[in-house]
Protein backbone atom coordinates (compact mmCIF):
# COMPACT_ATOMS: atom_id res chain seq x y z
CA MET A 1 -5.97 -14.52 -70.09
CA LEU A 2 -3.24 -17.82 -70.77
CA ARG A 3 -0.84 -15.31 -71.38
CA LEU A 4 -1.44 -12.95 -68.02
CA LEU A 5 -1.28 -16.58 -66.55
CA ASN A 6 1.92 -17.92 -67.99
CA THR A 7 4.06 -14.23 -67.06
CA ALA A 8 2.30 -13.90 -63.56
CA GLU A 9 3.98 -17.79 -63.37
CA GLN A 10 7.01 -16.61 -64.37
CA LEU A 11 6.76 -13.69 -61.38
CA MET A 12 5.31 -15.07 -58.65
CA ASP A 13 5.16 -18.86 -56.80
CA PHE A 14 2.23 -19.98 -57.42
CA THR A 15 2.06 -22.50 -54.59
CA PHE A 16 2.67 -19.97 -52.09
CA ARG A 17 -0.02 -20.03 -49.50
CA LEU A 18 -2.64 -17.45 -48.03
CA GLU A 19 -3.03 -17.10 -45.17
CA GLY A 20 -5.86 -15.28 -44.12
CA THR A 21 -9.64 -14.37 -45.52
CA HIS A 22 -8.59 -16.35 -48.87
CA GLY A 23 -9.20 -19.28 -46.67
CA GLY A 24 -5.81 -20.76 -47.18
CA ILE A 25 -5.67 -21.41 -50.68
CA THR A 26 -2.65 -20.93 -52.71
CA LEU A 27 -1.24 -17.63 -54.94
CA GLY A 28 -1.63 -19.22 -58.31
CA GLU A 29 -5.44 -20.46 -57.74
CA ALA A 30 -6.38 -16.91 -55.75
CA PHE A 31 -5.11 -15.39 -59.29
CA GLU A 32 -7.11 -17.47 -61.30
CA ARG A 33 -10.48 -16.87 -59.35
CA LEU A 34 -9.39 -13.01 -59.67
CA LEU A 35 -9.10 -13.39 -63.25
CA SER A 36 -12.08 -15.13 -63.41
CA GLU A 37 -13.94 -12.48 -61.41
CA VAL A 38 -12.85 -9.47 -63.12
CA GLU A 39 -13.47 -11.05 -66.61
CA VAL A 40 -10.64 -9.90 -68.87
CA GLN A 41 -11.80 -10.90 -72.52
CA ASP A 42 -9.86 -11.41 -75.38
CA GLU A 43 -11.02 -8.52 -77.04
CA PRO A 44 -11.59 -5.60 -74.59
CA GLU A 45 -15.08 -3.52 -75.49
CA TRP A 46 -12.70 -0.35 -74.70
CA CYS A 47 -10.10 -1.12 -77.42
CA PRO A 48 -9.46 2.04 -78.91
CA GLN A 49 -9.87 2.79 -82.74
CA LYS A 50 -7.52 5.65 -82.74
CA SER A 51 -3.69 6.59 -80.90
CA PRO A 52 -4.27 7.58 -78.05
CA THR A 53 -7.75 7.32 -77.24
CA THR A 54 -9.90 9.88 -75.82
CA GLU A 55 -12.71 7.61 -74.31
CA LYS A 56 -13.76 8.44 -70.93
CA ARG A 57 -14.32 5.95 -68.52
CA SER A 58 -16.41 7.57 -65.95
CA ILE A 59 -18.76 6.24 -62.81
CA LEU A 60 -20.67 8.53 -61.18
CA THR A 61 -22.71 7.85 -58.06
CA PRO A 62 -24.43 10.54 -56.25
CA ASP A 63 -21.64 10.83 -53.86
CA GLN A 64 -18.58 10.66 -55.20
CA GLN A 65 -16.98 10.60 -58.83
CA PHE A 66 -14.81 8.28 -60.33
CA TYR A 67 -12.86 8.88 -63.19
CA TYR A 68 -10.61 6.29 -64.92
CA ARG A 69 -9.07 6.36 -68.68
CA PRO A 70 -6.56 4.00 -69.99
CA HIS A 71 -4.22 5.61 -73.10
CA LEU A 72 -3.63 2.52 -75.48
CA PHE A 73 -2.33 2.39 -78.62
CA GLU A 74 -3.16 0.03 -82.29
CA THR A 75 0.71 -1.41 -81.74
CA MET A 76 0.20 -2.48 -78.02
CA GLU A 77 1.13 -6.10 -77.87
CA VAL A 78 -2.17 -7.95 -76.88
CA GLU A 79 -0.59 -9.20 -73.35
CA LEU A 80 -0.15 -5.13 -72.56
CA GLU A 81 -3.76 -4.76 -73.30
CA LYS A 82 -4.97 -7.49 -71.24
CA ALA A 83 -2.69 -6.22 -68.04
CA HIS A 84 -4.49 -2.82 -68.74
CA GLN A 85 -7.83 -4.82 -68.83
CA LEU A 86 -6.70 -6.09 -65.37
CA GLN A 87 -5.57 -2.71 -63.69
CA TYR A 88 -9.35 -1.15 -64.34
CA ALA A 89 -11.19 -3.96 -63.49
CA LEU A 90 -9.21 -3.68 -59.97
CA LEU A 91 -10.21 -0.48 -59.60
CA PRO A 92 -13.04 0.19 -57.26
CA ARG A 93 -16.14 1.37 -58.42
CA GLU A 94 -18.13 2.63 -54.86
CA LEU A 95 -17.28 2.92 -50.88
CA PRO A 96 -19.04 0.86 -49.22
CA ALA A 97 -22.56 2.43 -47.31
CA HIS A 98 -21.57 2.99 -44.19
CA ALA A 99 -18.06 4.23 -45.23
CA PRO A 100 -16.85 7.09 -42.64
CA CYS A 101 -16.04 9.56 -45.78
CA ARG A 102 -16.85 10.95 -49.16
CA LEU A 103 -14.01 10.07 -51.88
CA SER A 104 -13.41 11.08 -55.53
CA ALA A 105 -10.53 9.51 -57.61
CA VAL A 106 -9.05 9.94 -61.03
CA LEU A 107 -6.84 7.60 -63.07
CA GLU A 108 -5.22 7.92 -66.21
CA SER A 109 -3.02 4.84 -67.30
CA TYR A 110 -0.08 5.93 -70.02
CA CYS A 111 0.45 2.91 -72.67
CA HIS A 112 3.15 1.51 -71.18
CA LEU A 113 1.36 0.59 -67.60
CA SER A 114 3.30 2.01 -64.36
CA GLY A 115 0.41 -0.43 -62.24
CA ASP A 116 -1.12 2.11 -60.26
CA LEU A 117 -3.87 1.19 -58.12
CA PHE A 118 -5.80 1.83 -55.01
CA GLY A 119 -8.94 0.31 -53.14
CA TRP A 120 -10.78 0.33 -49.71
CA HIS A 121 -12.17 -2.22 -47.32
CA GLU A 122 -14.99 -1.72 -44.69
CA LEU A 123 -14.16 -2.70 -41.42
CA GLY A 124 -16.03 -2.57 -38.17
CA GLY A 125 -17.06 0.70 -35.80
CA GLU A 126 -17.47 2.65 -39.22
CA ARG A 127 -13.83 2.58 -40.19
CA LEU A 128 -12.14 2.27 -43.66
CA MET A 129 -9.14 0.98 -44.80
CA LEU A 130 -7.59 2.99 -47.46
CA TRP A 131 -4.79 1.99 -49.57
CA LEU A 132 -3.17 3.91 -52.71
CA VAL A 133 0.45 1.55 -54.24
CA ASP A 134 2.23 2.78 -56.73
CA MET A 135 3.95 -0.55 -58.60
CA SER A 136 8.12 -0.75 -59.37
CA GLY A 137 8.71 -0.33 -63.28
CA HIS A 138 6.30 -0.53 -66.73
CA GLY A 139 4.58 -3.06 -68.84
CA VAL A 140 2.42 -6.36 -67.90
CA ARG A 141 5.02 -7.12 -65.03
CA ALA A 142 3.55 -3.81 -63.31
CA GLY A 143 0.18 -5.01 -64.19
CA ILE A 144 0.68 -8.25 -62.65
CA LEU A 145 2.10 -6.64 -59.47
CA SER A 146 -0.54 -4.46 -58.93
CA ALA A 147 -3.22 -7.92 -58.70
CA LEU A 148 -0.37 -9.97 -56.46
CA ILE A 149 -0.75 -6.55 -54.20
CA ARG A 150 -4.63 -6.28 -54.12
CA ILE A 151 -4.77 -10.34 -53.44
CA LEU A 152 -2.19 -9.89 -50.21
CA ILE A 153 -4.03 -6.86 -48.99
CA ASP A 154 -8.01 -8.97 -49.85
CA ASP A 155 -6.07 -11.69 -47.95
CA MET A 156 -5.14 -9.08 -45.01
CA ARG A 157 -8.67 -7.35 -44.89
CA ASP A 158 -9.76 -8.13 -41.23
CA GLU A 159 -6.15 -6.60 -40.30
CA THR A 160 -7.03 -3.12 -38.34
CA ASP A 161 -3.24 -1.44 -38.08
CA PRO A 162 -1.56 -0.01 -40.91
CA GLY A 163 1.71 -0.80 -39.67
CA THR A 164 1.16 -4.31 -39.42
CA LEU A 165 -1.09 -4.76 -42.57
CA VAL A 166 1.81 -3.14 -44.32
CA THR A 167 4.09 -5.39 -42.26
CA GLN A 168 2.72 -8.32 -43.46
CA LEU A 169 2.36 -7.23 -47.06
CA ASN A 170 5.97 -6.84 -47.25
CA ARG A 171 6.97 -9.94 -45.71
CA ARG A 172 4.35 -11.83 -47.93
CA MET A 173 5.16 -10.23 -50.91
CA ILE A 174 8.86 -11.22 -50.90
CA ALA A 175 8.58 -14.34 -49.86
CA SER A 176 5.82 -14.74 -52.94
CA LEU A 177 7.88 -13.48 -55.71
CA ARG A 178 10.52 -15.56 -57.91
CA VAL A 179 13.79 -13.91 -57.44
CA SER A 180 14.84 -12.25 -60.80
CA ASP A 181 17.46 -9.63 -62.30
CA ASP A 182 15.05 -6.65 -61.51
CA VAL A 183 13.77 -5.75 -58.00
CA MET A 184 10.10 -5.01 -57.87
CA TYR A 185 8.81 -3.06 -54.99
CA ALA A 186 5.80 -1.07 -54.61
CA THR A 187 5.31 2.73 -52.82
CA GLY A 188 2.25 3.47 -50.85
CA ALA A 189 0.13 5.61 -48.29
CA PHE A 190 -2.33 3.12 -46.12
CA LEU A 191 -5.02 5.02 -44.01
CA LEU A 192 -7.30 4.14 -41.58
CA LEU A 193 -10.29 5.93 -41.43
CA GLY A 194 -12.86 6.44 -39.04
CA PRO A 195 -15.21 8.68 -36.83
CA GLY A 196 -12.88 11.43 -35.74
CA SER A 197 -9.78 10.01 -36.46
CA LEU A 198 -6.83 8.77 -38.75
CA ARG A 199 -4.32 6.36 -38.65
CA TYR A 200 -1.76 5.91 -40.93
CA LEU A 201 1.47 4.49 -42.68
CA VAL A 202 3.52 5.98 -45.64
CA ALA A 203 6.39 3.90 -47.67
CA ALA A 204 9.03 5.55 -49.65
CA HIS A 205 5.59 7.42 -51.12
CA PRO A 206 4.88 11.38 -51.84
CA PRO A 207 3.27 12.81 -48.41
CA VAL A 208 -0.46 12.64 -48.25
CA LEU A 209 -1.54 16.32 -48.31
CA GLN A 210 -4.36 17.13 -45.45
CA ARG A 211 -6.27 20.74 -45.89
CA ASN A 212 -8.55 21.87 -43.44
CA GLY A 213 -11.83 24.36 -43.32
CA ALA A 214 -9.31 27.38 -42.90
CA HIS A 215 -7.02 26.08 -46.13
CA THR A 216 -4.26 25.61 -44.42
CA LEU A 217 -1.68 22.71 -45.62
CA GLY A 218 -0.20 19.07 -43.65
CA ARG A 219 1.66 16.79 -45.09
CA LEU A 220 1.57 13.44 -43.33
CA GLU A 221 5.67 12.00 -44.30
CA SER A 222 6.96 9.27 -45.72
CA THR A 223 8.43 7.31 -42.81
CA GLY A 224 8.91 3.74 -43.86
CA ARG A 225 10.92 1.75 -46.82
CA PRO A 226 9.65 0.69 -50.33
CA VAL A 227 7.30 -2.69 -49.77
CA GLY A 228 8.79 -5.61 -51.15
CA VAL A 229 12.75 -5.15 -50.70
CA PHE A 230 13.93 -5.86 -47.05
CA PRO A 231 12.04 -8.61 -45.65
CA SER A 232 12.73 -7.83 -42.32
CA THR A 233 11.52 -3.72 -42.38
CA VAL A 234 8.81 -3.33 -39.49
CA TYR A 235 6.68 -0.45 -40.28
CA GLU A 236 5.08 1.93 -37.67
CA THR A 237 1.54 3.38 -37.76
CA ARG A 238 1.10 7.21 -37.57
CA ARG A 239 -1.51 9.02 -36.02
CA ALA A 240 -3.10 12.64 -37.18
CA PRO A 241 -6.06 14.50 -36.19
CA LEU A 242 -8.88 14.75 -38.29
CA HIS A 243 -11.91 16.80 -38.24
CA SER A 244 -15.29 17.46 -40.04
CA GLU A 245 -14.04 19.85 -42.85
CA ASN A 246 -10.56 18.13 -43.46
CA ILE A 247 -10.03 16.80 -46.78
CA LEU A 248 -6.90 14.28 -47.73
CA LEU A 249 -5.48 14.03 -50.93
CA LEU A 250 -3.44 10.87 -51.98
CA TYR A 251 -1.63 10.62 -55.40
CA THR A 252 1.33 8.58 -57.47
CA ASP A 253 4.04 10.76 -58.56
CA GLY A 254 3.15 10.83 -62.10
CA ILE A 255 0.94 13.85 -61.14
CA LEU A 256 3.99 15.41 -60.24
CA GLU A 257 6.07 14.77 -63.47
CA ALA A 258 3.80 15.85 -65.87
CA GLY A 259 5.46 17.97 -67.71
CA ASN A 260 4.95 21.11 -69.76
CA GLU A 261 6.16 22.04 -73.08
CA SER A 262 9.51 23.14 -72.29
CA GLY A 263 10.07 20.00 -70.45
CA GLU A 264 9.42 21.30 -66.30
CA GLU A 265 7.77 19.02 -64.34
CA PHE A 266 4.38 19.89 -62.82
CA GLY A 267 5.62 19.79 -59.49
CA GLN A 268 4.98 19.33 -54.99
CA GLU A 269 4.66 23.44 -55.21
CA ARG A 270 2.20 23.75 -58.17
CA LEU A 271 0.12 20.54 -56.94
CA GLU A 272 -0.58 22.20 -53.50
CA HIS A 273 -1.75 25.34 -54.18
CA ALA A 274 -4.33 23.48 -57.09
CA PHE A 275 -5.11 21.72 -53.64
CA LEU A 276 -5.25 24.51 -51.62
CA SER A 277 -7.25 26.66 -54.12
CA SER A 278 -9.39 24.24 -55.04
CA ASN A 279 -13.09 24.54 -53.28
CA GLY A 280 -16.62 22.61 -53.24
CA ASP A 281 -16.46 18.26 -52.09
CA VAL A 282 -14.05 16.16 -53.26
CA SER A 283 -15.61 16.05 -56.86
CA GLY A 284 -15.14 20.02 -57.01
CA VAL A 285 -11.11 18.98 -55.61
CA THR A 286 -10.14 16.59 -58.31
CA ARG A 287 -11.72 18.20 -60.59
CA HIS A 288 -10.23 21.46 -60.05
CA ILE A 289 -6.24 19.54 -59.52
CA TYR A 290 -7.54 17.71 -62.82
CA ASP A 291 -8.05 21.12 -64.99
CA THR A 292 -4.74 22.64 -63.63
CA VAL A 293 -2.74 19.71 -64.89
CA SER A 294 -4.60 19.47 -67.78
CA ALA A 295 -4.01 22.82 -68.74
CA TYR A 296 -0.05 22.49 -68.05
CA GLN A 297 0.25 19.82 -69.89
CA ASP A 298 -1.64 17.24 -72.44
CA MET A 299 -3.65 14.84 -71.03
CA ASN A 300 -3.46 12.31 -74.01
CA TYR A 301 0.29 12.54 -74.29
CA ILE A 302 1.26 11.76 -70.50
CA ASP A 303 3.96 9.96 -70.16
CA ASP A 304 3.44 7.98 -66.58
CA ASP A 305 0.04 7.26 -64.48
CA VAL A 306 -1.44 10.32 -63.37
CA THR A 307 -3.25 9.54 -60.33
CA PHE A 308 -5.24 11.15 -57.40
CA LEU A 309 -7.79 10.57 -54.70
CA ALA A 310 -9.55 13.39 -52.66
CA VAL A 311 -11.25 11.73 -49.34
CA GLU A 312 -13.48 13.92 -46.90
CA CYS A 313 -14.48 12.48 -43.62
C-alpha cells in the first residue's frame, strides 16, 4: 500500500481539498481512506501461479452477472500487481435495490493495466447515475488515475446532471493532478437513467449503442472533449428516448481493437452485429458478445483491457 501511496503522491496534489460529499477532506486523506476500504493486500489471494492466469472472478446475483478477470504475469512488479488489486477492488459488486435497470458487465484487464473503470450511484426518484471511463496510458499510473476518478465522482454523487458532473470532474481533475510530461486524461460515457428517461454525456469515447425491441440500432455519439485536458471545457447533457425494451451497450476501445491472428481488429461493425444478433436478458447479451469476441481473439492474450456493459431499463 505504501508503494501506491508514494506513487499517487507523485501524480496528485494530496493537499487538494474535496468540495462535496467527502466532507472537505484532502485528496490525500481520501486516497488513504479508499485504500483502507478496498483492503489492498501485500500478497493478493488471486496472484496467479502461471502465465497468464485463467482464473475467473465472477460475481453472480439473481438479476445480473458481473464477470471480472485479471491478466497477470509472474514477473510483474509488485507495484503493478497492487494497482491491479486496486482496480478490481474499485469495481462494483451489485446494483442498488431500487435501481431502474438491470445490468451485466464484463472486464478483462490486460497485464499492463490500461485502467478501465465503471460505477454508479443511486439518486432520488429511482434514478441511477452510471459511468464508464477509460484512463489514458498504461501501468500503475492508469490504475491510480482510475482511483482518482472514483474519488472525484464519489465526491459529486449528489449531482443529478451528467453535463454538470463531467464539467466539474474535468476542472477538479486538472486542479488535483501534478504537472508532468505526460498528459493524463480520461474518456467516458455518463448516463442518468430513470423511469422512461435517459440523459447522457459521451466525452471523446466510442458511441453508446442503443437497441430497441425490434433490434434496430441507435448510437449516442461523443459530444465532448477528453476529461482532464482543457480546464474551461463545458460539457452539455443530451437527451434520448428510453423505452421498456431498450438495451444500452457501453464499452471501451479495447474490444474494438481486439485482433485476430492476421492482426485485423474486431472493430465497430462486428461489435454492432454481435449486439443486434444477441437475445435474452442483459446477461445473454454480454455472454453472446463475449463469445463472439473470444472466437475472434484468444482472450488469454489480449493487448488491452476489454470492457463492456449491457443495461436494460
